[in-house]
Amino acid sequence: MNDAMNASNPNPAASTVRLQVNGDPQTCQLQTTLPELLTQLGMNPRLVAVEYNGEILHRQFWQSTHLKTGDRLEIVTIVGGGSR
């Protein structure tokens, strides 16, 4: 790696967040919001419910929730259906 890259980001790991999503390790960039992570994971934020560190996180707080190392998310996809 050249010195210019080292000077701009001396510790690349410091800009990465490590968390668990449904029990699996995931990483994202520092300052990633919950809706951004959901989109990166290929999920439609309108069709999921999220437990954040053991508590259901109300949708009104999603945009202001910046993920940090050690966070634990359980994401449940809402599936439509009905009886015949």
PDB file of N, CA and C in Angstrom:
ATOM      1  N   MET A   1       0.849  -1.171   0.000  1.00  0.00           N
ATOM      2  CA  MET A   1       0.000   0.000   0.000  1.00  0.00           C
ATOM      3  C   MET A   1       0.892   1.231   0.000  1.00  0.00           C
ATOM      4  N   ASN A   2       0.517   2.253  -0.740  1.00  0.00           N
ATOM      5  CA  ASN A   2       1.380   3.434  -0.787  1.00  0.00           C
ATOM      6  C   ASN A   2       1.118   4.353   0.396  1.00  0.00           C
ATOM      7  N   ASP A   3       2.046   5.299   0.628  1.00  0.00           N
ATOM      8  CA  ASP A   3       1.958   6.182   1.793  1.00  0.00           C
ATOM      9  C   ASP A   3       0.741   7.097   1.739  1.00  0.00           C
ATOM     10  N   ALA A   4       0.317   7.495   0.537  1.00  0.00           N
ATOM     11  CA  ALA A   4      -0.852   8.374   0.418  1.00  0.00           C
ATOM     12  C   ALA A   4      -2.095   7.662   0.926  1.00  0.00           C
ATOM     13  N   MET A   5      -2.238   6.381   0.621  1.00  0.00           N
ATOM     14  CA  MET A   5      -3.394   5.636   1.100  1.00  0.00           C
ATOM     15  C   MET A   5      -3.323   5.462   2.610  1.00  0.00           C
ATOM     16  N   ASN A   6      -2.138   5.200   3.143  1.00  0.00           N
ATOM     17  CA  ASN A   6      -1.977   5.052   4.582  1.00  0.00           C
ATOM     18  C   ASN A   6      -2.314   6.334   5.315  1.00  0.00           C
ATOM     19  N   ALA A   7      -1.937   7.475   4.755  1.00  0.00           N
ATOM     20  CA  ALA A   7      -2.184   8.751   5.407  1.00  0.00           C
ATOM     21  C   ALA A   7      -3.672   9.062   5.455  1.00  0.00           C
ATOM     22  N   SER A   8      -4.414   8.730   4.404  1.00  0.00           N
ATOM     23  CA  SER A   8      -5.833   9.049   4.382  1.00  0.00           C
ATOM     24  C   SER A   8      -6.652   8.096   5.239  1.00  0.00           C
ATOM     25  N   ASN A   9      -6.198   6.875   5.403  1.00  0.00           N
ATOM     26  CA  ASN A   9      -6.920   5.903   6.211  1.00  0.00           C
ATOM     27  C   ASN A   9      -5.902   4.956   6.850  1.00  0.00           C
ATOM     28  N   PRO A  10      -5.293   5.396   7.941  1.00  0.00           N
ATOM     29  CA  PRO A  10      -4.220   4.609   8.532  1.00  0.00           C
ATOM     30  C   PRO A  10      -4.666   3.247   9.051  1.00  0.00           C
ATOM     31  N   ASN A  11      -5.921   3.103   9.410  1.00  0.00           N
ATOM     32  CA  ASN A  11      -6.424   1.837   9.931  1.00  0.00           C
ATOM     33  C   ASN A  11      -7.761   1.525   9.271  1.00  0.00           C
ATOM     34  N   PRO A  12      -7.746   0.817   8.139  1.00  0.00           N
ATOM     35  CA  PRO A  12      -9.003   0.535   7.428  1.00  0.00           C
ATOM     36  C   PRO A  12     -10.033  -0.169   8.297  1.00  0.00           C
ATOM     37  N   ALA A  13      -9.594  -0.996   9.243  1.00  0.00           N
ATOM     38  CA  ALA A  13     -10.535  -1.700  10.115  1.00  0.00           C
ATOM     39  C   ALA A  13     -11.311  -0.725  11.003  1.00  0.00           C
ATOM     40  N   ALA A  14     -10.742   0.441  11.264  1.00  0.00           N
ATOM     41  CA  ALA A  14     -11.416   1.426  12.117  1.00  0.00           C
ATOM     42  C   ALA A  14     -12.651   2.009  11.435  1.00  0.00           C
ATOM     43  N   SER A  15     -12.756   1.891  10.112  1.00  0.00           N
ATOM     44  CA  SER A  15     -13.913   2.423   9.400  1.00  0.00           C
ATOM     45  C   SER A  15     -14.949   1.341   9.121  1.00  0.00           C
ATOM     46  N   THR A  16     -14.735   0.152   9.684  1.00  0.00           N
ATOM     47  CA  THR A  16     -15.637  -0.973   9.470  1.00  0.00           C
ATOM     48  C   THR A  16     -16.297  -1.374  10.784  1.00  0.00           C
ATOM     49  N   VAL A  17     -17.572  -1.663  10.705  1.00  0.00           N
ATOM     50  CA  VAL A  17     -18.355  -2.101  11.861  1.00  0.00           C
ATOM     51  C   VAL A  17     -18.591  -3.597  11.724  1.00  0.00           C
ATOM     52  N   ARG A  18     -18.371  -4.327  12.806  1.00  0.00           N
ATOM     53  CA  ARG A  18     -18.652  -5.770  12.826  1.00  0.00           C
ATOM     54  C   ARG A  18     -19.852  -5.999  13.720  1.00  0.00           C
ATOM     55  N   LEU A  19     -20.860  -6.686  13.180  1.00  0.00           N
ATOM     56  CA  LEU A  19     -22.080  -6.938  13.917  1.00  0.00           C
ATOM     57  C   LEU A  19     -22.620  -8.308  13.552  1.00  0.00           C
ATOM     58  N   GLN A  20     -23.701  -8.714  14.199  1.00  0.00           N
ATOM     59  CA  GLN A  20     -24.351  -9.982  13.876  1.00  0.00           C
ATOM     60  C   GLN A  20     -25.747  -9.699  13.357  1.00  0.00           C
ATOM     61  N   VAL A  21     -26.091 -10.380  12.277  1.00  0.00           N
ATOM     62  CA  VAL A  21     -27.427 -10.284  11.705  1.00  0.00           C
ATOM     63  C   VAL A  21     -27.991 -11.695  11.642  1.00  0.00           C
ATOM     64  N   ASN A  22     -29.050 -11.921  12.374  1.00  0.00           N
ATOM     65  CA  ASN A  22     -29.670 -13.249  12.468  1.00  0.00           C
ATOM     66  C   ASN A  22     -28.636 -14.323  12.810  1.00  0.00           C
ATOM     67  N   GLY A  23     -27.715 -13.970  13.704  1.00  0.00           N
ATOM     68  CA  GLY A  23     -26.710 -14.902  14.186  1.00  0.00           C
ATOM     69  C   GLY A  23     -25.475 -15.033  13.318  1.00  0.00           C
ATOM     70  N   ASP A  24     -25.468 -14.393  12.147  1.00  0.00           N
ATOM     71  CA  ASP A  24     -24.327 -14.480  11.234  1.00  0.00           C
ATOM     72  C   ASP A  24     -23.496 -13.201  11.299  1.00  0.00           C
ATOM     73  N   PRO A  25     -22.166 -13.324  11.253  1.00  0.00           N
ATOM     74  CA  PRO A  25     -21.328 -12.122  11.254  1.00  0.00           C
ATOM     75  C   PRO A  25     -21.503 -11.329   9.963  1.00  0.00           C
ATOM     76  N   GLN A  26     -21.557 -10.024  10.102  1.00  0.00           N
ATOM     77  CA  GLN A  26     -21.668  -9.105   8.966  1.00  0.00           C
ATOM     78  C   GLN A  26     -20.747  -7.925   9.234  1.00  0.00           C
ATOM     79  N   THR A  27     -20.398  -7.219   8.181  1.00  0.00           N
ATOM     80  CA  THR A  27     -19.667  -5.967   8.329  1.00  0.00           C
ATOM     81  C   THR A  27     -20.358  -4.895   7.494  1.00  0.00           C
ATOM     82  N   CYS A  28     -20.175  -3.665   7.905  1.00  0.00           N
ATOM     83  CA  CYS A  28     -20.660  -2.523   7.139  1.00  0.00           C
ATOM     84  C   CYS A  28     -19.735  -1.352   7.441  1.00  0.00           C
ATOM     85  N   GLN A  29     -19.896  -0.296   6.713  1.00  0.00           N
ATOM     86  CA  GLN A  29     -19.090   0.893   6.920  1.00  0.00           C
ATOM     87  C   GLN A  29     -19.558   1.657   8.158  1.00  0.00           C
ATOM     88  N   LEU A  30     -18.639   2.336   8.800  1.00  0.00           N
ATOM     89  CA  LEU A  30     -18.952   3.201   9.926  1.00  0.00           C
ATOM     90  C   LEU A  30     -20.006   4.217   9.491  1.00  0.00           C
ATOM     91  N   GLN A  31     -20.918   4.547  10.355  1.00  0.00           N
ATOM     92  CA  GLN A  31     -22.005   5.511  10.118  1.00  0.00           C
ATOM     93  C   GLN A  31     -23.122   4.963   9.233  1.00  0.00           C
ATOM     94  N   THR A  32     -23.159   3.644   8.994  1.00  0.00           N
ATOM     95  CA  THR A  32     -24.253   3.042   8.238  1.00  0.00           C
ATOM     96  C   THR A  32     -25.506   3.059   9.104  1.00  0.00           C
ATOM     97  N   THR A  33     -26.615   3.505   8.525  1.00  0.00           N
ATOM     98  CA  THR A  33     -27.878   3.483   9.247  1.00  0.00           C
ATOM     99  C   THR A  33     -28.559   2.133   9.036  1.00  0.00           C
ATOM    100  N   LEU A  34     -29.529   1.846   9.863  1.00  0.00           N
ATOM    101  CA  LEU A  34     -30.250   0.587   9.746  1.00  0.00           C
ATOM    102  C   LEU A  34     -30.899   0.417   8.372  1.00  0.00           C
ATOM    103  N   PRO A  35     -31.636   1.400   7.837  1.00  0.00           N
ATOM    104  CA  PRO A  35     -32.219   1.215   6.502  1.00  0.00           C
ATOM    105  C   PRO A  35     -31.156   0.974   5.417  1.00  0.00           C
ATOM    106  N   GLU A  36     -30.003   1.619   5.538  1.00  0.00           N
ATOM    107  CA  GLU A  36     -28.935   1.403   4.564  1.00  0.00           C
ATOM    108  C   GLU A  36     -28.441  -0.045   4.617  1.00  0.00           C
ATOM    109  N   LEU A  37     -28.258  -0.578   5.830  1.00  0.00           N
ATOM    110  CA  LEU A  37     -27.813  -1.963   5.963  1.00  0.00           C
ATOM    111  C   LEU A  37     -28.845  -2.915   5.378  1.00  0.00           C
ATOM    112  N   LEU A  38     -30.108  -2.691   5.670  1.00  0.00           N
ATOM    113  CA  LEU A  38     -31.162  -3.555   5.144  1.00  0.00           C
ATOM    114  C   LEU A  38     -31.122  -3.579   3.617  1.00  0.00           C
ATOM    115  N   THR A  39     -30.958  -2.425   3.020  1.00  0.00           N
ATOM    116  CA  THR A  39     -30.879  -2.332   1.560  1.00  0.00           C
ATOM    117  C   THR A  39     -29.638  -3.058   1.046  1.00  0.00           C
ATOM    118  N   GLN A  40     -28.501  -2.884   1.728  1.00  0.00           N
ATOM    119  CA  GLN A  40     -27.272  -3.574   1.319  1.00  0.00           C
ATOM    120  C   GLN A  40     -27.439  -5.087   1.393  1.00  0.00           C
ATOM    121  N   LEU A  41     -28.252  -5.565   2.328  1.00  0.00           N
ATOM    122  CA  LEU A  41     -28.488  -6.998   2.474  1.00  0.00           C
ATOM    123  C   LEU A  41     -29.568  -7.510   1.518  1.00  0.00           C
ATOM    124  N   GLY A  42     -30.107  -6.609   0.686  1.00  0.00           N
ATOM    125  CA  GLY A  42     -31.109  -7.004  -0.302  1.00  0.00           C
ATOM    126  C   GLY A  42     -32.511  -7.107   0.256  1.00  0.00           C
ATOM    127  N   MET A  43     -32.747  -6.458   1.384  1.00  0.00           N
ATOM    128  CA  MET A  43     -34.069  -6.503   2.019  1.00  0.00           C
ATOM    129  C   MET A  43     -34.800  -5.193   1.792  1.00  0.00           C
ATOM    130  N   ASN A  44     -36.108  -5.290   1.678  1.00  0.00           N
ATOM    131  CA  ASN A  44     -36.943  -4.105   1.568  1.00  0.00           C
ATOM    132  C   ASN A  44     -37.269  -3.635   2.984  1.00  0.00           C
ATOM    133  N   PRO A  45     -36.760  -2.480   3.403  1.00  0.00           N
ATOM    134  CA  PRO A  45     -37.017  -2.010   4.767  1.00  0.00           C
ATOM    135  C   PRO A  45     -38.496  -1.916   5.134  1.00  0.00           C
ATOM    136  N   ARG A  46     -39.365  -1.791   4.151  1.00  0.00           N
ATOM    137  CA  ARG A  46     -40.796  -1.694   4.432  1.00  0.00           C
ATOM    138  C   ARG A  46     -41.412  -3.038   4.792  1.00  0.00           C
ATOM    139  N   LEU A  47     -40.681  -4.137   4.513  1.00  0.00           N
ATOM    140  CA  LEU A  47     -41.250  -5.468   4.703  1.00  0.00           C
ATOM    141  C   LEU A  47     -40.544  -6.289   5.775  1.00  0.00           C
ATOM    142  N   VAL A  48     -39.887  -5.608   6.725  1.00  0.00           N
ATOM    143  CA  VAL A  48     -39.202  -6.336   7.790  1.00  0.00           C
ATOM    144  C   VAL A  48     -39.509  -5.721   9.148  1.00  0.00           C
ATOM    145  N   ALA A  49     -39.309  -6.530  10.172  1.00  0.00           N
ATOM    146  CA  ALA A  49     -39.322  -6.065  11.563  1.00  0.00           C
ATOM    147  C   ALA A  49     -37.927  -6.328  12.099  1.00  0.00           C
ATOM    148  N   VAL A  50     -37.440  -5.448  12.971  1.00  0.00           N
ATOM    149  CA  VAL A  50     -36.070  -5.555  13.440  1.00  0.00           C
ATOM    150  C   VAL A  50     -36.006  -5.532  14.964  1.00  0.00           C
ATOM    151  N   GLU A  51     -35.284  -6.525  15.503  1.00  0.00           N
ATOM    152  CA  GLU A  51     -34.918  -6.529  16.910  1.00  0.00           C
ATOM    153  C   GLU A  51     -33.470  -6.064  16.962  1.00  0.00           C
ATOM    154  N   TYR A  52     -33.221  -5.009  17.728  1.00  0.00           N
ATOM    155  CA  TYR A  52     -31.905  -4.381  17.814  1.00  0.00           C
ATOM    156  C   TYR A  52     -31.377  -4.554  19.229  1.00  0.00           C
ATOM    157  N   ASN A  53     -30.342  -5.363  19.379  1.00  0.00           N
ATOM    158  CA  ASN A  53     -29.747  -5.641  20.695  1.00  0.00           C
ATOM    159  C   ASN A  53     -30.790  -6.092  21.711  1.00  0.00           C
ATOM    160  N   GLY A  54     -31.667  -6.991  21.268  1.00  0.00           N
ATOM    161  CA  GLY A  54     -32.633  -7.603  22.167  1.00  0.00           C
ATOM    162  C   GLY A  54     -33.953  -6.866  22.331  1.00  0.00           C
ATOM    163  N   GLU A  55     -34.130  -5.740  21.654  1.00  0.00           N
ATOM    164  CA  GLU A  55     -35.365  -4.957  21.766  1.00  0.00           C
ATOM    165  C   GLU A  55     -35.924  -4.674  20.376  1.00  0.00           C
ATOM    166  N   ILE A  56     -37.246  -4.762  20.246  1.00  0.00           N
ATOM    167  CA  ILE A  56     -37.872  -4.375  18.979  1.00  0.00           C
ATOM    168  C   ILE A  56     -37.607  -2.884  18.773  1.00  0.00           C
ATOM    169  N   LEU A  57     -37.070  -2.542  17.613  1.00  0.00           N
ATOM    170  CA  LEU A  57     -36.762  -1.142  17.309  1.00  0.00           C
ATOM    171  C   LEU A  57     -37.874  -0.575  16.438  1.00  0.00           C
ATOM    172  N   HIS A  58     -38.580   0.409  16.977  1.00  0.00           N
ATOM    173  CA  HIS A  58     -39.674   1.026  16.230  1.00  0.00           C
ATOM    174  C   HIS A  58     -39.130   1.748  15.005  1.00  0.00           C
ATOM    175  N   ARG A  59     -39.864   1.641  13.950  1.00  0.00           N
ATOM    176  CA  ARG A  59     -39.465   2.179  12.646  1.00  0.00           C
ATOM    177  C   ARG A  59     -39.086   3.661  12.707  1.00  0.00           C
ATOM    178  N   GLN A  60     -39.696   4.425  13.562  1.00  0.00           N
ATOM    179  CA  GLN A  60     -39.408   5.861  13.648  1.00  0.00           C
ATOM    180  C   GLN A  60     -37.958   6.146  14.050  1.00  0.00           C
ATOM    181  N   PHE A  61     -37.270   5.147  14.646  1.00  0.00           N
ATOM    182  CA  PHE A  61     -35.895   5.328  15.086  1.00  0.00           C
ATOM    183  C   PHE A  61     -34.868   4.750  14.112  1.00  0.00           C
ATOM    184  N   TRP A  62     -35.306   4.091  13.063  1.00  0.00           N
ATOM    185  CA  TRP A  62     -34.388   3.415  12.158  1.00  0.00           C
ATOM    186  C   TRP A  62     -33.383   4.363  11.520  1.00  0.00           C
ATOM    187  N   GLN A  63     -33.831   5.484  10.986  1.00  0.00           N
ATOM    188  CA  GLN A  63     -32.949   6.402  10.261  1.00  0.00           C
ATOM    189  C   GLN A  63     -31.896   7.014  11.175  1.00  0.00           C
ATOM    190  N   SER A  64     -32.193   7.159  12.447  1.00  0.00           N
ATOM    191  CA  SER A  64     -31.222   7.756  13.377  1.00  0.00           C
ATOM    192  C   SER A  64     -30.365   6.702  14.082  1.00  0.00           C
ATOM    193  N   THR A  65     -30.568   5.426  13.755  1.00  0.00           N
ATOM    194  CA  THR A  65     -29.787   4.346  14.365  1.00  0.00           C
ATOM    195  C   THR A  65     -28.584   4.040  13.486  1.00  0.00           C
ATOM    196  N   HIS A  66     -27.401   4.452  13.963  1.00  0.00           N
ATOM    197  CA  HIS A  66     -26.144   4.155  13.278  1.00  0.00           C
ATOM    198  C   HIS A  66     -25.560   2.900  13.909  1.00  0.00           C
ATOM    199  N   LEU A  67     -25.264   1.918  13.083  1.00  0.00           N
ATOM    200  CA  LEU A  67     -24.791   0.631  13.574  1.00  0.00           C
ATOM    201  C   LEU A  67     -23.374   0.751  14.097  1.00  0.00           C
ATOM    202  N   LYS A  68     -23.091  -0.019  15.154  1.00  0.00           N
ATOM    203  CA  LYS A  68     -21.763   0.002  15.750  1.00  0.00           C
ATOM    204  C   LYS A  68     -21.302  -1.420  16.040  1.00  0.00           C
ATOM    205  N   THR A  69     -20.003  -1.577  16.186  1.00  0.00           N
ATOM    206  CA  THR A  69     -19.428  -2.895  16.428  1.00  0.00           C
ATOM    207  C   THR A  69     -20.062  -3.518  17.665  1.00  0.00           C
ATOM    208  N   GLY A  70     -20.428  -4.786  17.520  1.00  0.00           N
ATOM    209  CA  GLY A  70     -21.030  -5.531  18.621  1.00  0.00           C
ATOM    210  C   GLY A  70     -22.547  -5.560  18.591  1.00  0.00           C
ATOM    211  N   ASP A  71     -23.172  -4.750  17.730  1.00  0.00           N
ATOM    212  CA  ASP A  71     -24.632  -4.765  17.645  1.00  0.00           C
ATOM    213  C   ASP A  71     -25.114  -6.136  17.186  1.00  0.00           C
ATOM    214  N   ARG A  72     -26.309  -6.511  17.674  1.00  0.00           N
ATOM    215  CA  ARG A  72     -26.949  -7.766  17.293  1.00  0.00           C
ATOM    216  C   ARG A  72     -28.324  -7.441  16.728  1.00  0.00           C
ATOM    217  N   LEU A  73     -28.554  -7.850  15.486  1.00  0.00           N
ATOM    218  CA  LEU A  73     -29.838  -7.624  14.834  1.00  0.00           C
ATOM    219  C   LEU A  73     -30.506  -8.957  14.541  1.00  0.00           C
ATOM    220  N   GLU A  74     -31.786  -9.011  14.792  1.00  0.00           N
ATOM    221  CA  GLU A  74     -32.626 -10.121  14.336  1.00  0.00           C
ATOM    222  C   GLU A  74     -33.638  -9.491  13.400  1.00  0.00           C
ATOM    223  N   ILE A  75     -33.639  -9.936  12.164  1.00  0.00           N
ATOM    224  CA  ILE A  75     -34.504  -9.350  11.149  1.00  0.00           C
ATOM    225  C   ILE A  75     -35.497 -10.399  10.684  1.00  0.00           C
ATOM    226  N   VAL A  76     -36.775 -10.051  10.739  1.00  0.00           N
ATOM    227  CA  VAL A  76     -37.836 -10.957  10.326  1.00  0.00           C
ATOM    228  C   VAL A  76     -38.524 -10.340   9.117  1.00  0.00           C
ATOM    229  N   THR A  77     -38.626 -11.125   8.062  1.00  0.00           N
ATOM    230  CA  THR A  77     -39.298 -10.659   6.846  1.00  0.00           C
ATOM    231  C   THR A  77     -40.793 -10.923   6.977  1.00  0.00           C
ATOM    232  N   ILE A  78     -41.572  -9.932   6.624  1.00  0.00           N
ATOM    233  CA  ILE A  78     -43.029 -10.057   6.659  1.00  0.00           C
ATOM    234  C   ILE A  78     -43.464 -10.706   5.345  1.00  0.00           C
ATOM    235  N   VAL A  79     -44.194 -11.800   5.461  1.00  0.00           N
ATOM    236  CA  VAL A  79     -44.651 -12.527   4.289  1.00  0.00           C
ATOM    237  C   VAL A  79     -46.172 -12.465   4.247  1.00  0.00           C
ATOM    238  N   GLY A  80     -46.690 -12.014   3.118  1.00  0.00           N
ATOM    239  CA  GLY A  80     -48.132 -11.950   2.959  1.00  0.00           C
ATOM    240  C   GLY A  80     -48.704 -13.322   2.619  1.00  0.00           C
ATOM    241  N   GLY A  81     -49.954 -13.464   2.868  1.00  0.00           N
ATOM    242  CA  GLY A  81     -50.615 -14.722   2.548  1.00  0.00           C
ATOM    243  C   GLY A  81     -52.014 -14.726   3.126  1.00  0.00           C
ATOM    244  N   GLY A  82     -52.593 -15.848   3.093  1.00  0.00           N
ATOM    245  CA  GLY A  82     -53.940 -15.974   3.626  1.00  0.00           C
ATOM    246  C   GLY A  82     -54.484 -17.349   3.360  1.00  0.00           C
ATOM    247  N   SER A  83     -55.711 -17.522   3.741  1.00  0.00           N
ATOM    248  CA  SER A  83     -56.337 -18.829   3.507  1.00  0.00           C
ATOM    249  C   SER A  83     -56.953 -18.854   2.118  1.00  0.00           C
ATOM    250  N   ARG A  84     -57.183 -20.061   1.657  1.00  0.00           N
ATOM    251  CA  ARG A  84     -57.797 -20.210   0.326  1.00  0.00           C
ATOM    252  C   ARG A  84     -59.275 -20.239   0.416  1.00  0.00           C
TER     253      ARG A  84
END
